[in-house]
Amino acid sequence: MTRTMALYSIIPAFFLTPLLAAAQASESAYCSALSQKYTQYLDGENRLGRQPGNLGARAAVEKCKAGDTSGIPAIEKALKDAKIDLPSRQ
């Protein structure tokens, strides 16, 4: 009976692994798109005469560049607060 239970626990992992990888790739692409938009419109270093961008959002952009998607909410908030449309999540 233990062998059957082990097989049942492996089968879902086999099918879920590609789905999880695709979701992570999608999140990473979205994070990159958000970062590009933030840098283009809100990054103070790129705009003469403007105040520096939100430090939390700038840190989130750096996280995205490093492959850490946990910064997505901070960048989304900064863009929404500036009334800039978010890129589509694909």
Protein backbone atom coordinates (compact mmCIF):
# COMPACT_ATOMS: atom_id res chain seq x y z
CA MET A 1 0.00 0.00 0.00
CA THR A 2 2.88 2.42 0.67
CA ARG A 3 4.20 1.94 -2.85
CA THR A 4 0.82 2.91 -4.32
CA MET A 5 0.62 5.98 -2.10
CA ALA A 6 4.11 7.04 -3.17
CA LEU A 7 3.09 6.69 -6.82
CA TYR A 8 0.02 8.85 -6.24
CA SER A 9 2.12 11.56 -4.66
CA ILE A 10 4.61 11.58 -7.57
CA ILE A 11 2.03 11.78 -10.36
CA PRO A 12 0.62 15.22 -9.40
CA ALA A 13 4.14 16.61 -9.00
CA PHE A 14 5.00 15.34 -12.48
CA PHE A 15 2.08 17.24 -14.01
CA LEU A 16 2.33 20.37 -11.86
CA THR A 17 6.04 21.05 -12.36
CA PRO A 18 5.70 22.41 -15.94
CA LEU A 19 2.73 24.54 -14.88
CA LEU A 20 4.66 26.04 -11.99
CA ALA A 21 7.66 26.74 -14.21
CA ALA A 22 5.43 28.51 -16.74
CA ALA A 23 3.82 30.59 -13.99
CA GLN A 24 7.23 31.62 -12.67
CA ALA A 25 8.39 32.59 -16.16
CA SER A 26 5.22 34.62 -16.65
CA GLU A 27 5.72 36.41 -13.31
CA SER A 28 9.32 37.13 -14.22
CA ALA A 29 8.31 38.60 -17.60
CA TYR A 30 5.63 40.73 -15.92
CA CYS A 31 8.12 41.93 -13.32
CA SER A 32 10.51 42.91 -16.10
CA ALA A 33 7.79 44.79 -17.99
CA LEU A 34 6.81 46.66 -14.81
CA SER A 35 10.46 47.55 -14.17
CA GLN A 36 10.91 48.89 -17.68
CA LYS A 37 7.80 51.03 -17.39
CA TYR A 38 8.83 52.33 -13.97
CA THR A 39 12.31 53.19 -15.25
CA GLN A 40 10.92 54.88 -18.35
CA TYR A 41 8.35 57.06 -16.58
CA LEU A 42 9.19 57.39 -12.91
CA ASP A 43 12.88 56.81 -12.25
CA GLY A 44 14.16 60.17 -11.00
CA GLU A 45 17.69 59.52 -12.19
CA ASN A 46 16.48 59.43 -15.78
CA ARG A 47 14.45 62.62 -15.57
CA LEU A 48 16.23 65.94 -15.15
CA GLY A 49 14.61 68.32 -12.72
CA ARG A 50 12.35 65.68 -11.18
CA GLN A 51 12.46 64.31 -7.70
CA PRO A 52 13.94 60.86 -7.22
CA GLY A 53 11.51 57.98 -7.55
CA ASN A 54 10.01 56.07 -4.67
CA LEU A 55 12.86 54.26 -2.88
CA GLY A 56 10.70 51.21 -2.18
CA ALA A 57 9.75 50.93 -5.83
CA ARG A 58 13.34 51.43 -6.93
CA ALA A 59 14.42 48.62 -4.60
CA ALA A 60 11.64 46.47 -6.09
CA VAL A 61 12.95 47.20 -9.59
CA GLU A 62 16.37 45.99 -8.50
CA LYS A 63 14.75 42.82 -7.10
CA CYS A 64 13.07 42.20 -10.44
CA LYS A 65 16.36 42.66 -12.25
CA ALA A 66 17.83 40.01 -9.95
CA GLY A 67 14.98 37.60 -10.71
CA ASP A 68 13.05 38.16 -7.45
CA THR A 69 9.39 38.81 -8.29
CA SER A 70 8.42 39.80 -4.74
CA GLY A 71 8.78 43.46 -5.74
CA ILE A 72 5.80 43.37 -8.12
CA PRO A 73 3.27 44.94 -5.69
CA ALA A 74 5.54 47.92 -4.92
CA ILE A 75 6.13 48.70 -8.58
CA GLU A 76 2.43 48.26 -9.40
CA LYS A 77 1.52 50.69 -6.62
CA ALA A 78 4.04 53.30 -7.78
CA LEU A 79 2.74 53.12 -11.35
CA LYS A 80 -0.92 53.21 -10.26
CA ASP A 81 -0.25 56.18 -7.96
CA ALA A 82 1.29 58.01 -10.93
CA LYS A 83 -1.77 57.06 -13.02
CA ILE A 84 0.34 55.06 -15.45
CA ASP A 85 -1.30 52.01 -17.02
CA LEU A 86 0.18 48.70 -15.98
CA PRO A 87 1.48 46.33 -18.64
CA SER A 88 -0.70 43.33 -19.37
CA ARG A 89 -0.08 40.10 -17.50
CA GLN A 90 0.33 37.38 -20.08
